[in-house]
Amino acid sequence: MVKRSIISLTVLMLSFAGIIIRLHRIIIGDIIRIKAEKQNFYTLKIARTRGKIYDCRNVPLLGKKTKILAAVIPNTKTLDALLKIIPDSLIEDVKNKFKSSLPFLIEINKKINCEGIDCFEIPIRYNKTTLAPHILGHISKDYKGVCGIERAFNKYLSGETDIEIKYEIDATGKLIRNDSYLKNNINQSGVVLHIDKRIQVLAEQIANKYILKGAVIITEVPNCEIRACASLPGFLPDGVQYCLKDKNSPLINRAFCQYNLGSIFKLVTAAAALESNFDENQIYNCQGVHTLENDIEIRCFHGIPHGEIKIDSAIALSCNGFFAKISKEINPDFFIEFSKNLGFGKAIQFAKHMTSSEGNLPTKEDLLDEKKITMFSFGQGCLMATPVQISSLINAICCGGIYSKPKLVKSLINDNMELTDLEQSLPKRVFKPNTAIKLKNYMKKAILEGTAKRGKPETVTASAKTSTAETGILGDNGRINQSWFAGFFPFENPKYCIVVLSENDDGGARNCGPVFKELADKINSMAL
């Protein structure tokens, strides 16, 4: 029995040994095969690309210009072909590359039809004319989105988009030309914005004529879709490192930043008063100075009296005294909630990592103080707002009192150019249609005979309101003010809203008005 057990155990151990030897051979064989395969190919990476960013008409906003890259197999024929087109300054460098037997990459100015040279037309993602850099953002050296749409949709825009060639080589390392494999994953998928490239071009060109630092927002009625968003000064997405020490802070998207607002907020005060059954025929005798109960003086611009005026002229002439008086007739709780319903004091998220400032509202308790509610009524004090919040206000007036959040991102698009629309917040009514009609007429009076006259277009009817907001900050040239101009056109059937902000400027009509005027005329003349 013992002898039989020893024999069985020996057979079993020999069987296990045989299995182990066989597994070892299989594993070693696979390793050798994989190494051999790697040794039999040489990979030349041509370029890395990303998904596209489109405007609302599916026109690419990036990568319109291209460069030509050539993958070259070193031999006499390809050297002769290259020497015919490259500049003298590159000849020595090219000849050095030919000393190796391996393919190499070189940028050329035109395509070459030569065996052994493969040419690729590669999109240049950024250039000196890149539009809306604050919206599109930029990428890092490793092709990851750093900010803007590039960051918000980085996973969707990156993907597998390498372009490369695999060359088969023999055992001696010699290339086998007829057995190369091209991997070209350039695709059409990407992100579609509500931006209209044609309008964005106009916004940037015209704003730069009049404004050093500021922003321009153009939205389309009724859905408050952002057709242009310009922040000044701009920057080059591939030159961000040069902007970091610029005292004008060009990397800041001023369209999403909060600023002191001023008299444009009188539109909110007027609407809140009308919704509180204020009599629009009530007359106020403006003496240029309105005195509060504690002898605090509220002055109109330069203390110039407006005489006997109603609410329409108070908007048109921007009378501070009138609004100081009617602020007492508005319930503070209602005033704050009404402002919140119009988007004030609330941040707007356009996409992941793309959110505007929330601005600032006083509290209900603040408005129990006579001075604070008076300052609030004409947009001063602690009130702050963003240009995108003002675009929603003007859009709501155009839409008969229906509020919509500004919209920037429209949809995602795949390789087959099929769209997947993104969910958007629903519009809501915030004041009565009749209130909106009255506000439109007040703004019309402002552009015809009031403070907004400088922004009156020549080819289309319009309505507007100006602001000059005091910040209380002293700059190198005196007190810093923020200037605004906001309006819409055409008056009869509003199509576009325009909000213009100019930092540290004197009067909303001086520089902001001409931007509105020129944009309205140019857009009106376009076949959009």
Protein backbone atom coordinates (compact mmCIF):
# COMPACT_ATOMS: atom_id res chain seq x y z
CA MET A 1 0.00 0.00 0.00
CA VAL A 2 2.82 2.37 0.89
CA LYS A 3 4.62 1.63 -2.34
CA ARG A 4 1.43 2.23 -4.33
CA SER A 5 0.83 5.59 -2.56
CA ILE A 6 4.39 6.76 -3.31
CA ILE A 7 3.94 5.90 -6.99
CA SER A 8 0.59 7.79 -7.15
CA LEU A 9 2.06 10.84 -5.41
CA THR A 10 5.04 10.82 -7.77
CA VAL A 11 2.75 10.70 -10.82
CA LEU A 12 0.64 13.54 -9.44
CA MET A 13 3.71 15.72 -8.77
CA LEU A 14 5.06 15.06 -12.25
CA SER A 15 1.69 16.06 -13.73
CA PHE A 16 1.71 19.35 -11.78
CA ALA A 17 5.28 19.97 -12.90
CA GLY A 18 4.25 19.42 -16.52
CA ILE A 19 1.37 21.87 -16.21
CA ILE A 20 3.63 24.52 -14.63
CA ILE A 21 6.24 24.09 -17.38
CA ARG A 22 3.54 24.44 -20.04
CA LEU A 23 2.06 27.60 -18.44
CA HIS A 24 5.55 29.06 -18.19
CA ARG A 25 6.14 28.45 -21.90
CA ILE A 26 2.79 30.04 -22.80
CA ILE A 27 3.46 33.14 -20.67
CA ILE A 28 7.03 33.52 -21.91
CA GLY A 29 5.78 33.01 -25.45
CA ASP A 30 3.19 35.78 -25.07
CA ILE A 31 5.78 38.14 -23.61
CA ILE A 32 8.17 37.41 -26.46
CA ARG A 33 5.35 37.87 -29.00
CA ILE A 34 4.26 41.23 -27.49
CA LYS A 35 7.86 42.45 -27.40
CA ALA A 36 8.33 41.33 -30.97
CA GLU A 37 5.21 43.16 -32.06
CA LYS A 38 6.39 46.32 -30.33
CA GLN A 39 9.79 45.99 -31.88
CA ASN A 40 8.20 45.57 -35.33
CA PHE A 41 6.40 48.94 -35.26
CA TYR A 42 7.50 52.55 -34.98
CA THR A 43 4.77 55.06 -33.98
CA LEU A 44 4.95 58.70 -35.09
CA LYS A 45 2.47 60.98 -33.31
CA ILE A 46 1.24 63.69 -35.68
CA ALA A 47 -1.03 65.81 -33.48
CA ARG A 48 -3.54 65.93 -30.65
CA THR A 49 -6.90 67.54 -31.29
CA ARG A 50 -10.05 68.30 -29.31
CA GLY A 51 -13.75 68.43 -30.06
CA LYS A 52 -15.17 71.57 -31.64
CA ILE A 53 -17.04 74.50 -30.11
CA TYR A 54 -19.79 75.78 -32.41
CA ASP A 55 -21.96 78.90 -32.55
CA CYS A 56 -25.76 78.72 -32.74
CA ARG A 57 -25.60 78.09 -36.52
CA ASN A 58 -23.11 75.21 -36.10
CA VAL A 59 -20.24 77.39 -37.32
CA PRO A 60 -16.97 76.45 -35.56
CA LEU A 61 -15.67 79.16 -33.20
CA LEU A 62 -12.24 77.50 -32.93
CA GLY A 63 -9.84 75.80 -35.30
CA LYS A 64 -10.91 77.52 -38.52
CA LYS A 65 -7.28 78.13 -39.55
CA THR A 66 -5.00 75.17 -40.18
CA LYS A 67 -1.35 74.23 -40.48
CA ILE A 68 0.26 71.49 -42.59
CA LEU A 69 2.33 68.82 -40.90
CA ALA A 70 4.32 66.32 -42.97
CA ALA A 71 5.32 62.84 -41.81
CA VAL A 72 8.56 62.13 -43.68
CA ILE A 73 10.42 58.86 -44.31
CA PRO A 74 14.12 59.77 -44.76
CA ASN A 75 15.45 58.97 -48.23
CA THR A 76 16.94 60.80 -51.20
CA LYS A 77 13.59 61.40 -52.89
CA THR A 78 11.88 62.94 -49.83
CA LEU A 79 14.95 65.10 -49.07
CA ASP A 80 14.89 66.56 -52.58
CA ALA A 81 11.14 67.27 -52.28
CA LEU A 82 11.53 69.08 -48.96
CA LEU A 83 14.53 71.16 -50.01
CA LYS A 84 12.41 72.66 -52.80
CA ILE A 85 9.84 74.22 -50.44
CA ILE A 86 11.45 74.87 -47.05
CA PRO A 87 13.17 78.20 -46.27
CA ASP A 88 16.95 78.35 -46.15
CA SER A 89 16.86 78.78 -42.38
CA LEU A 90 15.50 75.22 -41.95
CA ILE A 91 17.78 73.37 -44.39
CA GLU A 92 20.45 72.46 -41.87
CA ASP A 93 17.89 71.23 -39.34
CA VAL A 94 16.13 69.09 -41.96
CA LYS A 95 19.40 67.53 -43.12
CA ASN A 96 20.17 66.55 -39.53
CA LYS A 97 16.80 64.81 -39.27
CA PHE A 98 17.66 62.76 -42.38
CA LYS A 99 20.67 61.26 -40.61
CA SER A 100 18.25 58.99 -38.76
CA SER A 101 16.46 56.15 -40.53
CA LEU A 102 13.25 56.82 -38.56
CA PRO A 103 10.33 58.96 -39.86
CA PHE A 104 10.03 62.47 -38.46
CA LEU A 105 7.51 65.33 -38.40
CA ILE A 106 7.94 68.81 -39.90
CA GLU A 107 5.62 71.78 -40.48
CA ILE A 108 5.54 72.98 -44.11
CA ASN A 109 3.73 75.79 -45.90
CA LYS A 110 2.07 73.68 -48.61
CA LYS A 111 1.27 70.04 -49.30
CA ILE A 112 3.80 67.84 -51.12
CA ASN A 113 2.84 65.02 -53.46
CA CYS A 114 5.75 62.64 -52.91
CA GLU A 115 6.00 58.98 -51.96
CA GLY A 116 7.32 58.76 -48.42
CA ILE A 117 5.69 62.03 -47.33
CA ASP A 118 2.20 62.06 -45.75
CA CYS A 119 0.68 65.52 -45.31
CA PHE A 120 -1.95 66.41 -42.68
CA GLU A 121 -4.00 69.60 -42.43
CA ILE A 122 -4.28 70.18 -38.68
CA PRO A 123 -6.66 72.76 -37.11
CA ILE A 124 -4.98 75.57 -35.17
CA ARG A 125 -7.19 75.82 -32.09
CA TYR A 126 -6.33 79.41 -31.14
CA ASN A 127 -5.07 82.39 -33.09
CA LYS A 128 -4.93 86.18 -32.86
CA THR A 129 -8.56 86.49 -34.01
CA THR A 130 -10.06 83.95 -31.57
CA LEU A 131 -13.48 85.25 -30.50
CA ALA A 132 -15.01 85.29 -26.99
CA PRO A 133 -11.90 84.00 -25.18
CA HIS A 134 -13.52 84.58 -21.78
CA ILE A 135 -16.36 82.26 -22.77
CA LEU A 136 -14.42 79.61 -24.71
CA GLY A 137 -11.54 79.54 -22.21
CA HIS A 138 -8.21 77.85 -22.95
CA ILE A 139 -6.36 74.58 -22.46
CA SER A 140 -3.12 73.57 -20.75
CA LYS A 141 -0.06 72.08 -22.41
CA ASP A 142 -1.42 68.59 -21.77
CA TYR A 143 -4.63 69.50 -23.62
CA LYS A 144 -6.90 69.77 -20.57
CA GLY A 145 -9.46 72.57 -20.27
CA VAL A 146 -8.36 75.23 -17.79
CA CYS A 147 -11.39 77.54 -17.81
CA GLY A 148 -14.52 78.47 -19.75
CA ILE A 149 -16.27 75.99 -22.02
CA GLU A 150 -12.96 74.16 -22.49
CA ARG A 151 -13.01 73.25 -18.79
CA ALA A 152 -16.77 72.85 -18.34
CA PHE A 153 -16.95 70.23 -21.10
CA ASN A 154 -13.40 68.91 -20.92
CA LYS A 155 -14.36 65.22 -20.89
CA TYR A 156 -16.64 65.67 -23.87
CA LEU A 157 -14.15 67.75 -25.85
CA SER A 158 -11.08 65.60 -25.19
CA GLY A 159 -11.84 61.93 -25.95
CA GLU A 160 -9.66 59.86 -28.31
CA THR A 161 -8.52 62.40 -30.86
CA ASP A 162 -4.86 61.57 -31.54
CA ILE A 163 -3.51 61.43 -35.07
CA GLU A 164 -0.61 59.01 -35.51
CA ILE A 165 1.07 56.69 -38.02
CA LYS A 166 2.46 53.25 -37.21
CA TYR A 167 5.28 52.15 -39.51
CA GLU A 168 6.13 48.45 -39.70
CA ILE A 169 9.83 47.64 -39.50
CA ASP A 170 11.74 44.46 -40.17
CA ALA A 171 14.15 42.66 -37.86
CA THR A 172 16.99 45.06 -38.75
CA GLY A 173 14.87 48.14 -38.01
CA LYS A 174 14.31 48.99 -41.66
CA LEU A 175 10.94 50.55 -42.51
CA ILE A 176 8.46 48.59 -44.58
CA ARG A 177 6.77 51.51 -46.38
CA ASN A 178 3.75 49.67 -47.74
CA ASP A 179 2.63 48.49 -44.32
CA SER A 180 2.03 51.71 -42.34
CA TYR A 181 -1.17 52.21 -40.35
CA LEU A 182 -2.88 55.61 -39.91
CA LYS A 183 -4.94 56.44 -36.85
CA ASN A 184 -6.91 59.62 -37.53
CA ASN A 185 -9.59 60.42 -34.96
CA ILE A 186 -10.45 64.02 -35.93
CA ASN A 187 -14.20 64.28 -35.35
CA GLN A 188 -17.00 66.78 -35.57
CA SER A 189 -18.44 66.28 -32.07
CA GLY A 190 -18.45 69.16 -29.64
CA VAL A 191 -20.47 71.81 -27.82
CA VAL A 192 -22.97 74.21 -29.42
CA LEU A 193 -23.36 77.67 -27.85
CA HIS A 194 -26.09 80.27 -28.25
CA ILE A 195 -23.37 82.70 -29.38
CA ASP A 196 -23.85 83.96 -32.95
CA LYS A 197 -20.40 84.40 -34.48
CA ARG A 198 -21.56 87.29 -36.69
CA ILE A 199 -22.89 89.26 -33.72
CA GLN A 200 -19.89 88.36 -31.53
CA VAL A 201 -17.54 89.84 -34.15
CA LEU A 202 -19.53 93.09 -34.16
CA ALA A 203 -19.67 93.27 -30.37
CA GLU A 204 -15.91 92.94 -29.99
CA GLN A 205 -15.05 95.30 -32.85
CA ILE A 206 -17.41 98.08 -31.75
CA ALA A 207 -16.77 97.77 -28.01
CA ASN A 208 -13.03 98.10 -28.56
CA LYS A 209 -13.59 101.44 -30.32
CA TYR A 210 -15.10 103.07 -27.24
CA ILE A 211 -14.30 101.07 -24.10
CA LEU A 212 -11.00 100.23 -22.40
CA LYS A 213 -12.39 98.00 -19.65
CA GLY A 214 -15.92 96.66 -19.49
CA ALA A 215 -18.36 94.27 -21.08
CA VAL A 216 -21.05 93.95 -23.74
CA ILE A 217 -23.89 91.41 -23.59
CA ILE A 218 -26.33 90.91 -26.48
CA THR A 219 -29.30 88.60 -25.92
CA GLU A 220 -32.15 87.58 -28.18
CA VAL A 221 -35.78 87.99 -27.15
CA PRO A 222 -37.78 86.11 -25.85
CA ASN A 223 -35.57 83.32 -24.43
CA CYS A 224 -32.65 85.53 -23.35
CA GLU A 225 -30.17 83.52 -25.43
CA ILE A 226 -26.72 85.11 -25.35
CA ARG A 227 -25.76 85.97 -28.95
CA ALA A 228 -22.60 87.86 -27.96
CA CYS A 229 -20.57 88.18 -24.78
CA ALA A 230 -17.52 90.44 -24.91
CA SER A 231 -15.26 91.28 -21.97
CA LEU A 232 -12.62 93.99 -22.32
CA PRO A 233 -9.68 93.88 -22.43
CA GLY A 234 -9.45 90.54 -24.18
CA PHE A 235 -6.60 88.04 -24.25
CA LEU A 236 -5.05 85.40 -26.48
CA PRO A 237 -5.87 81.88 -25.21
CA ASP A 238 -2.37 80.65 -26.11
CA GLY A 239 -0.72 83.65 -24.44
CA VAL A 240 -2.27 83.53 -20.97
CA GLN A 241 1.11 83.69 -19.25
CA TYR A 242 1.62 87.24 -20.53
CA CYS A 243 -1.64 88.42 -18.92
CA LEU A 244 -0.95 87.43 -15.33
CA LYS A 245 0.89 90.66 -14.45
CA ASP A 246 -1.28 92.98 -16.58
CA LYS A 247 -2.77 95.64 -14.26
CA ASN A 248 -5.96 95.69 -16.38
CA SER A 249 -6.70 92.04 -15.45
CA PRO A 250 -7.63 90.84 -18.95
CA LEU A 251 -8.39 87.29 -17.77
CA ILE A 252 -11.44 88.45 -15.78
CA ASN A 253 -14.80 87.92 -17.50
CA ARG A 254 -16.37 91.26 -16.63
CA ALA A 255 -19.73 90.20 -18.09
CA PHE A 256 -20.05 87.78 -15.14
CA CYS A 257 -18.66 90.16 -12.47
CA GLN A 258 -20.63 92.34 -10.07
CA TYR A 259 -20.51 96.14 -10.20
CA ASN A 260 -22.25 99.11 -8.65
CA LEU A 261 -25.35 99.57 -10.79
CA GLY A 262 -26.92 103.01 -10.42
CA SER A 263 -29.94 104.38 -12.24
CA ILE A 264 -30.80 101.35 -14.40
CA PHE A 265 -32.24 99.94 -11.17
CA LYS A 266 -34.87 102.70 -11.33
CA LEU A 267 -36.61 100.40 -13.82
CA VAL A 268 -37.01 97.84 -11.01
CA THR A 269 -38.20 100.49 -8.57
CA ALA A 270 -40.70 101.81 -11.12
CA ALA A 271 -41.98 98.29 -11.79
CA ALA A 272 -42.30 97.53 -8.05
CA ALA A 273 -44.19 100.80 -7.55
CA LEU A 274 -46.56 100.13 -10.47
CA GLU A 275 -47.17 96.60 -9.16
CA SER A 276 -48.03 98.27 -5.81
CA ASN A 277 -50.76 100.38 -7.48
CA PHE A 278 -48.67 103.55 -7.67
CA ASP A 279 -50.44 106.33 -9.58
CA GLU A 280 -48.28 107.07 -12.63
CA ASN A 281 -49.91 110.50 -12.95
CA GLN A 282 -48.52 111.58 -9.58
CA ILE A 283 -46.43 114.76 -9.96
CA TYR A 284 -43.19 115.48 -8.17
CA ASN A 285 -41.59 118.91 -8.12
CA CYS A 286 -37.84 118.30 -8.44
CA GLN A 287 -35.68 121.10 -7.05
CA GLY A 288 -32.43 119.28 -7.82
CA VAL A 289 -32.07 118.25 -4.16
CA HIS A 290 -34.34 115.98 -2.13
CA THR A 291 -33.96 116.20 1.65
CA LEU A 292 -34.70 113.24 3.90
CA GLU A 293 -36.16 113.52 7.39
CA ASN A 294 -32.71 113.51 9.02
CA ASP A 295 -31.54 116.35 6.73
CA ILE A 296 -29.58 114.04 4.43
CA GLU A 297 -29.57 115.54 0.92
CA ILE A 298 -30.16 113.42 -2.21
CA ARG A 299 -29.00 115.25 -5.30
CA CYS A 300 -29.87 114.79 -8.95
CA PHE A 301 -27.04 114.94 -11.49
CA HIS A 302 -25.07 118.14 -10.77
CA GLY A 303 -28.01 119.24 -8.59
CA ILE A 304 -29.93 120.43 -11.68
CA PRO A 305 -33.70 120.66 -10.97
CA HIS A 306 -36.13 118.83 -13.28
CA GLY A 307 -39.22 120.80 -12.22
CA GLU A 308 -42.65 119.15 -12.17
CA ILE A 309 -42.34 115.60 -13.53
CA LYS A 310 -44.19 112.29 -13.58
CA ILE A 311 -42.69 108.80 -13.49
CA ASP A 312 -42.08 108.67 -17.26
CA SER A 313 -39.92 111.81 -17.18
CA ALA A 314 -38.28 110.65 -13.95
CA ILE A 315 -37.02 107.60 -15.85
CA ALA A 316 -36.12 109.57 -18.97
CA LEU A 317 -34.23 112.29 -17.06
CA SER A 318 -33.02 109.94 -14.29
CA CYS A 319 -34.38 112.00 -11.40
CA ASN A 320 -33.06 110.73 -8.08
CA GLY A 321 -35.43 112.85 -6.03
CA PHE A 322 -38.54 111.33 -7.61
CA PHE A 323 -37.44 107.80 -6.72
CA ALA A 324 -36.35 108.86 -3.23
CA LYS A 325 -39.93 110.00 -2.69
CA ILE A 326 -41.77 106.96 -4.12
CA SER A 327 -39.48 104.47 -2.33
CA LYS A 328 -41.50 105.17 0.83
CA GLU A 329 -44.62 103.87 -0.93
CA ILE A 330 -43.17 100.40 -1.62
CA ASN A 331 -43.32 97.70 1.05
CA PRO A 332 -39.69 96.75 1.88
CA ASP A 333 -40.46 93.00 2.01
CA PHE A 334 -42.17 93.16 -1.37
CA PHE A 335 -39.34 95.33 -2.80
CA ILE A 336 -36.67 92.76 -1.90
CA GLU A 337 -38.66 89.74 -3.10
CA PHE A 338 -39.56 91.53 -6.32
CA SER A 339 -35.86 92.21 -6.96
CA LYS A 340 -34.94 88.59 -6.25
CA ASN A 341 -37.58 87.36 -8.70
CA LEU A 342 -35.80 89.43 -11.36
CA GLY A 343 -32.54 87.59 -10.64
CA PHE A 344 -30.82 90.15 -8.42
CA GLY A 345 -28.74 88.71 -5.61
CA LYS A 346 -28.56 85.31 -7.34
CA ALA A 347 -25.65 83.72 -9.19
CA ILE A 348 -26.29 82.30 -12.67
CA GLN A 349 -24.70 78.97 -13.56
CA PHE A 350 -24.15 78.66 -17.30
CA ALA A 351 -22.23 75.37 -17.15
CA LYS A 352 -20.04 73.45 -14.71
CA HIS A 353 -17.34 75.79 -13.36
CA MET A 354 -18.99 78.73 -15.24
CA THR A 355 -21.02 80.81 -12.78
CA SER A 356 -21.57 84.55 -12.58
CA SER A 357 -21.25 86.57 -9.40
CA GLU A 358 -24.48 86.81 -7.42
CA GLY A 359 -24.29 90.56 -6.93
CA ASN A 360 -25.56 92.07 -3.70
CA LEU A 361 -28.93 93.11 -2.30
CA PRO A 362 -29.70 94.88 0.97
CA THR A 363 -31.68 92.92 3.54
CA LYS A 364 -35.33 93.56 4.39
CA GLU A 365 -34.12 95.01 7.69
CA ASP A 366 -31.80 97.40 5.82
CA LEU A 367 -34.76 98.84 3.94
CA LEU A 368 -36.41 99.91 7.19
CA ASP A 369 -33.76 102.63 7.26
CA GLU A 370 -34.92 105.68 5.26
CA LYS A 371 -31.51 106.43 3.79
CA LYS A 372 -30.84 102.83 2.72
CA ILE A 373 -34.19 102.31 0.98
CA THR A 374 -33.78 105.70 -0.70
CA MET A 375 -30.31 104.81 -2.02
CA PHE A 376 -31.58 101.38 -3.08
CA SER A 377 -34.44 102.95 -5.07
CA PHE A 378 -32.03 104.52 -7.55
CA GLY A 379 -29.42 101.77 -7.53
CA GLN A 380 -26.86 103.08 -5.04
CA GLY A 381 -25.77 101.95 -1.60
CA CYS A 382 -24.80 98.31 -1.24
CA LEU A 383 -26.61 97.18 -4.42
CA MET A 384 -24.38 95.41 -6.96
CA ALA A 385 -25.28 93.55 -10.13
CA THR A 386 -23.73 91.81 -13.13
CA PRO A 387 -24.22 92.65 -16.82
CA VAL A 388 -25.89 89.26 -17.35
CA GLN A 389 -28.42 90.05 -14.60
CA ILE A 390 -29.27 93.32 -16.33
CA SER A 391 -29.76 91.49 -19.63
CA SER A 392 -32.45 89.38 -17.92
CA LEU A 393 -34.15 92.51 -16.59
CA ILE A 394 -34.33 94.12 -20.04
CA ASN A 395 -35.49 90.82 -21.57
CA ALA A 396 -38.30 90.58 -19.00
CA ILE A 397 -39.48 94.08 -19.94
CA CYS A 398 -39.48 93.09 -23.61
CA CYS A 399 -41.43 89.89 -22.84
CA GLY A 400 -44.30 91.52 -21.01
CA GLY A 401 -43.03 90.76 -17.51
CA ILE A 402 -41.82 87.17 -18.06
CA TYR A 403 -38.36 86.47 -16.65
CA SER A 404 -35.89 84.06 -18.28
CA LYS A 405 -32.35 83.26 -17.16
CA PRO A 406 -29.66 84.10 -19.73
CA LYS A 407 -28.69 81.02 -21.75
CA LEU A 408 -25.20 80.31 -23.07
CA VAL A 409 -24.90 76.59 -23.89
CA LYS A 410 -27.41 75.22 -26.40
CA SER A 411 -26.59 71.54 -26.95
CA LEU A 412 -24.03 68.81 -27.48
CA ILE A 413 -23.33 67.55 -31.00
CA ASN A 414 -21.99 64.17 -32.09
CA ASP A 415 -19.93 62.98 -35.08
CA ASN A 416 -23.08 62.76 -37.22
CA MET A 417 -23.95 66.40 -36.38
CA GLU A 418 -26.94 65.24 -34.33
CA LEU A 419 -27.88 67.60 -31.50
CA THR A 420 -28.76 66.77 -27.91
CA ASP A 421 -30.31 69.88 -26.35
CA LEU A 422 -29.47 70.63 -22.72
CA GLU A 423 -32.15 71.23 -20.12
CA GLN A 424 -32.97 74.88 -19.50
CA SER A 425 -34.83 76.60 -16.67
CA LEU A 426 -38.43 77.56 -17.40
CA PRO A 427 -39.48 81.22 -17.72
CA LYS A 428 -41.75 82.72 -15.07
CA ARG A 429 -43.98 85.76 -14.79
CA VAL A 430 -42.62 88.41 -12.43
CA PHE A 431 -44.79 91.44 -13.21
CA LYS A 432 -47.91 92.32 -15.19
CA PRO A 433 -47.93 92.88 -18.98
CA ASN A 434 -49.27 96.38 -18.48
CA THR A 435 -46.32 97.23 -16.22
CA ALA A 436 -43.96 96.06 -18.95
CA ILE A 437 -45.70 98.24 -21.56
CA LYS A 438 -45.29 101.29 -19.34
CA LEU A 439 -41.59 100.56 -18.71
CA LYS A 440 -40.96 100.18 -22.45
CA ASN A 441 -42.54 103.58 -23.07
CA TYR A 442 -40.54 105.21 -20.25
CA MET A 443 -37.34 103.84 -21.81
CA LYS A 444 -38.43 105.06 -25.23
CA LYS A 445 -38.78 108.56 -23.83
CA ALA A 446 -35.28 108.28 -22.36
CA ILE A 447 -33.72 107.54 -25.76
CA LEU A 448 -35.79 110.16 -27.59
CA GLU A 449 -35.44 113.09 -25.20
CA GLY A 450 -33.69 111.96 -22.05
CA THR A 451 -30.28 110.81 -20.81
CA ALA A 452 -30.04 107.99 -23.41
CA LYS A 453 -30.25 110.24 -26.50
CA ARG A 454 -26.62 109.62 -27.41
CA GLY A 455 -27.44 105.95 -27.96
CA LYS A 456 -30.38 106.48 -30.32
CA PRO A 457 -29.90 104.31 -33.47
CA GLU A 458 -30.37 105.82 -36.92
CA THR A 459 -32.02 102.88 -38.67
CA VAL A 460 -34.23 101.26 -36.03
CA THR A 461 -36.45 102.28 -33.12
CA ALA A 462 -35.17 101.53 -29.62
CA SER A 463 -35.63 102.07 -25.89
CA ALA A 464 -32.89 102.42 -23.28
CA LYS A 465 -31.78 103.51 -19.81
CA THR A 466 -28.43 104.86 -18.61
CA SER A 467 -26.52 104.58 -15.33
CA THR A 468 -23.59 106.28 -13.70
CA ALA A 469 -22.89 104.42 -10.47
CA GLU A 470 -20.72 105.86 -7.71
CA THR A 471 -18.40 103.33 -6.10
CA GLY A 472 -17.02 105.49 -3.31
CA ILE A 473 -13.52 104.43 -4.39
CA LEU A 474 -10.78 106.95 -5.14
CA GLY A 475 -8.62 106.25 -8.17
CA ASP A 476 -5.63 108.01 -9.69
CA ASN A 477 -7.90 110.50 -11.48
CA GLY A 478 -10.52 111.02 -8.78
CA ARG A 479 -13.60 109.03 -7.80
CA ILE A 480 -14.25 105.83 -9.74
CA ASN A 481 -17.67 105.50 -11.37
CA GLN A 482 -19.17 102.62 -13.35
CA SER A 483 -21.10 103.55 -16.49
CA TRP A 484 -23.94 101.55 -18.02
CA PHE A 485 -26.27 101.64 -20.99
CA ALA A 486 -29.03 99.05 -21.39
CA GLY A 487 -31.82 98.82 -23.93
CA PHE A 488 -33.55 96.91 -26.70
CA PHE A 489 -34.64 97.20 -30.32
CA PRO A 490 -36.86 97.45 -32.31
CA PHE A 491 -39.29 99.20 -29.97
CA GLU A 492 -42.44 97.82 -31.62
CA ASN A 493 -41.35 94.18 -31.68
CA PRO A 494 -38.23 93.71 -29.52
CA LYS A 495 -35.67 91.31 -30.99
CA TYR A 496 -32.37 92.05 -29.21
CA CYS A 497 -31.33 93.41 -25.82
CA ILE A 498 -27.94 95.08 -25.39
CA VAL A 499 -26.19 95.82 -22.10
CA VAL A 500 -22.98 97.86 -22.11
CA LEU A 501 -20.69 98.41 -19.12
CA SER A 502 -17.65 100.68 -19.00
CA GLU A 503 -15.44 100.59 -15.92
CA ASN A 504 -14.32 103.86 -14.36
CA ASP A 505 -16.08 106.02 -16.93
CA ASP A 506 -17.98 109.31 -16.78
CA GLY A 507 -21.63 108.91 -17.68
CA GLY A 508 -23.38 105.91 -19.24
CA ALA A 509 -24.27 107.81 -22.39
CA ARG A 510 -20.81 109.12 -23.27
CA ASN A 511 -19.04 105.90 -24.32
CA CYS A 512 -21.62 103.19 -23.68
CA GLY A 513 -24.31 104.98 -25.70
CA PRO A 514 -22.35 104.96 -28.99
CA VAL A 515 -21.67 101.22 -28.53
CA PHE A 516 -25.42 100.56 -28.24
CA LYS A 517 -26.22 102.83 -31.19
CA GLU A 518 -23.66 101.33 -33.54
CA LEU A 519 -24.47 97.75 -32.57
CA ALA A 520 -28.21 98.27 -33.05
CA ASP A 521 -27.69 99.81 -36.49
CA LYS A 522 -25.22 97.14 -37.63
CA ILE A 523 -27.31 94.20 -36.37
CA ASN A 524 -30.45 95.72 -37.85
CA SER A 525 -28.76 95.88 -41.27
CA MET A 526 -27.72 92.23 -41.18
CA ALA A 527 -29.85 89.44 -42.64
CA LEU A 528 -30.02 87.41 -39.43
